[in-house]
Amino acid sequence: MTTKQRFNSIVAWFSENQPEVRSELHYANPFQLLVAVILSAQCTDRRVNMVTPPLFEAFPTPKALAAASFDEVYPYVKSVSYPNAKTQHLIDMARKLLADFDGSVPSDIDALMSLPGVGRKTANVIASIVYDKPVIAVDTHVFRVSHRLGLSKGKTPYEVEQDLERHIPLEKRATAHHWLILHGRYICTARSPKCSACPLTEWCKKYTEDNFVSSK
């Protein structure tokens, strides 16, 4: 099976069976999504969704968050991973939004990455969800699933991102991130992947290799 055939088959399956998927983070506007994605780094969406409602109520706008002190914000995010760093990132991000972007979340990837706490993955998430940009965010789930399925051999998230964007059609890229991350979260898990329940085994490189070895 060629790489192109593998991509085409997997994209076709997802397109037919999961045509509409979305982020599991809860948000009402681009600013809230940006806050939620910053908090979600190495933290579950479930935990973030527990934290954000009171945080958004206390600091509903970039202006409100930018005016807050560390001690005012920290209690709201103390239960997420790396709360000290993320508290400061949120405050600094809000201040830069006001200073450089008039309080609006930018659509440009480089502009997004200029914000404190925003790396390439976060920037791609915002750009694809909010602005429907044809980019794919590569987190640990997407990285793992892409390697197992045989969609990429990239050694870095950026290399995997390039492989995915090279083969996935423009109009599918904004959705493809959600396909892969949810597949990695619920089926192709880091430990004990649920191969018996996976609909993609026909095209999965690792599944084929493992079963070829075990059949010898």
Protein backbone atom coordinates (compact mmCIF):
# COMPACT_ATOMS: atom_id res chain seq x y z
CA MET A 1 0.00 0.00 0.00
CA THR A 2 1.38 3.40 -0.96
CA THR A 3 1.34 6.37 1.40
CA LYS A 4 -1.14 8.11 -0.90
CA GLN A 5 -3.49 5.12 -0.82
CA ARG A 6 -3.26 4.96 2.98
CA PHE A 7 -4.06 8.67 3.35
CA ASN A 8 -6.92 8.50 0.83
CA SER A 9 -8.50 5.49 2.53
CA ILE A 10 -8.25 6.92 6.06
CA VAL A 11 -9.50 10.36 5.06
CA ALA A 12 -12.38 8.74 3.15
CA TRP A 13 -13.38 6.66 6.19
CA PHE A 14 -13.38 9.64 8.52
CA SER A 15 -15.21 11.81 5.97
CA GLU A 16 -18.00 9.26 5.71
CA ASN A 17 -18.25 8.21 9.34
CA GLN A 18 -17.23 11.34 11.27
CA PRO A 19 -18.00 14.22 8.90
CA GLU A 20 -18.55 16.75 11.68
CA VAL A 21 -16.22 16.77 14.67
CA ARG A 22 -15.15 19.62 16.89
CA SER A 23 -12.93 20.46 19.81
CA GLU A 24 -14.00 19.07 23.16
CA LEU A 25 -12.94 22.29 24.85
CA HIS A 26 -15.81 24.57 25.87
CA TYR A 27 -15.66 28.18 24.73
CA ALA A 28 -17.90 30.97 23.49
CA ASN A 29 -15.49 33.16 21.53
CA PRO A 30 -11.91 33.21 20.15
CA PHE A 31 -10.48 34.70 23.34
CA GLN A 32 -12.00 31.95 25.48
CA LEU A 33 -10.70 29.28 23.10
CA LEU A 34 -7.21 30.77 23.26
CA VAL A 35 -7.28 30.70 27.06
CA ALA A 36 -8.59 27.12 27.07
CA VAL A 37 -5.96 25.86 24.62
CA ILE A 38 -3.14 27.47 26.62
CA LEU A 39 -4.46 25.74 29.74
CA SER A 40 -4.83 22.41 27.92
CA ALA A 41 -1.10 21.91 27.36
CA GLN A 42 -0.23 18.58 29.04
CA CYS A 43 -3.64 18.65 30.71
CA THR A 44 -6.93 16.96 29.87
CA ASP A 45 -9.76 18.83 28.18
CA ARG A 46 -12.04 17.56 30.92
CA ARG A 47 -9.99 19.30 33.59
CA VAL A 48 -9.78 22.50 31.55
CA ASN A 49 -13.55 22.51 31.05
CA MET A 50 -13.96 22.33 34.82
CA VAL A 51 -11.63 25.27 35.35
CA THR A 52 -12.71 27.70 32.64
CA PRO A 53 -16.34 28.59 33.54
CA PRO A 54 -15.44 30.46 36.76
CA LEU A 55 -12.27 31.81 35.12
CA PHE A 56 -14.27 33.25 32.20
CA GLU A 57 -16.83 34.70 34.59
CA ALA A 58 -14.13 36.46 36.59
CA PHE A 59 -12.11 37.59 33.55
CA PRO A 60 -14.49 37.73 30.56
CA THR A 61 -12.30 39.89 28.30
CA PRO A 62 -8.63 40.42 27.50
CA LYS A 63 -8.86 43.76 29.28
CA ALA A 64 -10.14 42.18 32.48
CA LEU A 65 -7.47 39.47 32.41
CA ALA A 66 -4.69 41.91 31.57
CA ALA A 67 -5.58 44.03 34.59
CA ALA A 68 -5.50 41.06 36.96
CA SER A 69 -2.63 40.14 39.24
CA PHE A 70 -0.98 36.74 39.47
CA ASP A 71 -2.58 36.14 42.87
CA GLU A 72 -6.03 36.92 41.46
CA VAL A 73 -5.77 34.50 38.52
CA TYR A 74 -3.85 31.63 40.13
CA PRO A 75 -6.70 30.25 42.30
CA TYR A 76 -8.77 29.63 39.16
CA VAL A 77 -6.11 27.57 37.38
CA LYS A 78 -4.24 25.95 40.26
CA SER A 79 -5.68 22.49 39.48
CA VAL A 80 -4.26 22.32 35.93
CA SER A 81 -0.73 21.22 35.07
CA TYR A 82 2.01 23.86 35.50
CA PRO A 83 -0.34 26.41 37.09
CA ASN A 84 2.36 28.95 37.91
CA ALA A 85 3.63 29.21 34.35
CA LYS A 86 0.15 29.14 32.85
CA THR A 87 -1.13 31.85 35.18
CA GLN A 88 1.63 34.19 34.06
CA HIS A 89 1.19 33.18 30.40
CA LEU A 90 -2.51 34.07 30.52
CA ILE A 91 -1.91 37.48 32.01
CA ASP A 92 0.96 38.28 29.65
CA MET A 93 -1.02 36.98 26.67
CA ALA A 94 -3.96 39.25 27.48
CA ARG A 95 -1.66 42.25 27.86
CA LYS A 96 -0.03 41.59 24.50
CA LEU A 97 -3.42 41.13 22.85
CA LEU A 98 -4.35 44.59 24.04
CA ALA A 99 -1.01 46.19 23.20
CA ASP A 100 -0.44 44.66 19.76
CA PHE A 101 -3.81 43.44 18.46
CA ASP A 102 -6.43 45.79 19.99
CA GLY A 103 -7.72 42.93 22.11
CA SER A 104 -8.59 40.70 19.13
CA VAL A 105 -7.17 37.23 18.61
CA PRO A 106 -5.09 37.34 15.41
CA SER A 107 -5.50 34.85 12.57
CA ASP A 108 -1.89 34.81 11.40
CA ILE A 109 0.19 31.89 12.71
CA ASP A 110 3.29 33.98 13.40
CA ALA A 111 1.22 36.64 15.15
CA LEU A 112 -0.42 34.00 17.31
CA MET A 113 2.97 32.51 18.16
CA SER A 114 4.15 35.92 19.36
CA LEU A 115 1.70 35.62 22.26
CA PRO A 116 3.04 34.28 25.57
CA GLY A 117 2.14 30.65 26.13
CA VAL A 118 1.34 30.06 22.45
CA GLY A 119 3.48 27.59 20.51
CA ARG A 120 2.93 26.29 17.01
CA LYS A 121 0.41 23.65 18.07
CA THR A 122 -1.74 26.18 19.93
CA ALA A 123 -1.47 28.66 17.06
CA ASN A 124 -2.60 26.03 14.56
CA VAL A 125 -5.53 25.03 16.77
CA ILE A 126 -6.75 28.63 16.95
CA ALA A 127 -6.16 29.28 13.26
CA SER A 128 -7.98 26.14 12.15
CA ILE A 129 -10.95 26.33 14.53
CA VAL A 130 -11.58 30.06 14.58
CA TYR A 131 -10.42 31.08 11.12
CA ASP A 132 -10.76 27.78 9.21
CA LYS A 133 -7.13 27.95 8.13
CA PRO A 134 -5.89 24.82 6.30
CA VAL A 135 -3.39 23.86 9.00
CA ILE A 136 -3.09 20.81 11.25
CA ALA A 137 -2.08 21.05 14.88
CA VAL A 138 0.14 18.19 16.01
CA ASP A 139 -0.09 17.30 19.69
CA THR A 140 1.03 14.06 21.35
CA HIS A 141 -2.11 12.21 20.19
CA VAL A 142 -1.77 13.30 16.57
CA PHE A 143 1.97 12.56 16.61
CA ARG A 144 1.41 9.03 17.97
CA VAL A 145 -1.51 8.16 15.69
CA SER A 146 0.25 9.49 12.59
CA HIS A 147 3.24 7.24 13.27
CA ARG A 148 1.19 4.15 14.06
CA LEU A 149 -1.06 4.50 11.04
CA GLY A 150 1.93 5.08 8.79
CA LEU A 151 1.00 8.63 7.82
CA SER A 152 4.35 10.05 8.85
CA LYS A 153 7.85 9.13 9.94
CA GLY A 154 8.58 12.67 11.10
CA LYS A 155 10.80 12.96 14.15
CA THR A 156 9.31 16.27 15.29
CA PRO A 157 5.75 17.61 15.48
CA TYR A 158 6.58 20.08 12.71
CA GLU A 159 7.80 17.30 10.41
CA VAL A 160 4.61 15.33 11.08
CA GLU A 161 2.57 18.47 10.43
CA GLN A 162 4.28 18.88 7.06
CA ASP A 163 3.62 15.25 6.10
CA LEU A 164 -0.06 15.51 7.02
CA GLU A 165 -0.56 18.79 5.20
CA ARG A 166 1.24 17.42 2.15
CA HIS A 167 -1.28 14.61 1.75
CA ILE A 168 -4.54 15.82 3.29
CA PRO A 169 -6.69 18.05 1.04
CA LEU A 170 -6.98 21.71 2.01
CA GLU A 171 -10.69 21.48 2.73
CA LYS A 172 -10.17 18.54 5.13
CA ARG A 173 -7.26 19.86 7.18
CA ALA A 174 -9.22 21.87 9.74
CA THR A 175 -11.23 18.73 10.53
CA ALA A 176 -8.36 16.22 10.27
CA HIS A 177 -6.76 17.44 13.51
CA HIS A 178 -9.93 16.52 15.40
CA TRP A 179 -10.19 13.15 13.66
CA LEU A 180 -6.68 12.19 14.69
CA ILE A 181 -6.71 13.64 18.20
CA LEU A 182 -10.03 11.98 19.10
CA HIS A 183 -8.87 8.70 17.58
CA GLY A 184 -5.75 8.90 19.72
CA ARG A 185 -7.69 9.88 22.81
CA TYR A 186 -10.30 7.12 22.68
CA ILE A 187 -9.08 4.31 20.38
CA CYS A 188 -5.37 4.48 19.56
CA THR A 189 -4.36 5.24 23.14
CA ALA A 190 -0.75 5.49 24.25
CA ARG A 191 -1.07 2.39 26.41
CA SER A 192 -3.12 -0.62 25.37
CA PRO A 193 -4.56 0.73 22.11
CA LYS A 194 -8.02 -0.67 21.35
CA CYS A 195 -7.11 -2.33 18.05
CA SER A 196 -10.05 -4.71 18.23
CA ALA A 197 -12.40 -1.73 18.17
CA CYS A 198 -10.45 0.27 15.59
CA PRO A 199 -12.07 0.79 12.17
CA LEU A 200 -8.74 1.72 10.59
CA THR A 201 -6.80 -1.54 11.03
CA GLU A 202 -7.11 -2.33 7.32
CA TRP A 203 -4.86 0.63 6.57
CA CYS A 204 -2.80 0.80 9.79
CA LYS A 205 0.88 0.16 9.22
CA LYS A 206 1.65 -0.85 12.81
CA TYR A 207 -1.33 -3.20 13.05
CA THR A 208 -0.29 -4.90 9.80
CA GLU A 209 3.33 -5.23 10.92
CA ASP A 210 2.40 -6.57 14.38
CA ASN A 211 0.05 -9.15 12.98
CA PHE A 212 2.50 -10.22 10.29
CA VAL A 213 5.12 -10.86 12.98
CA SER A 214 2.70 -12.69 15.28
CA SER A 215 1.49 -14.92 12.45
CA LYS A 216 4.95 -16.28 11.77
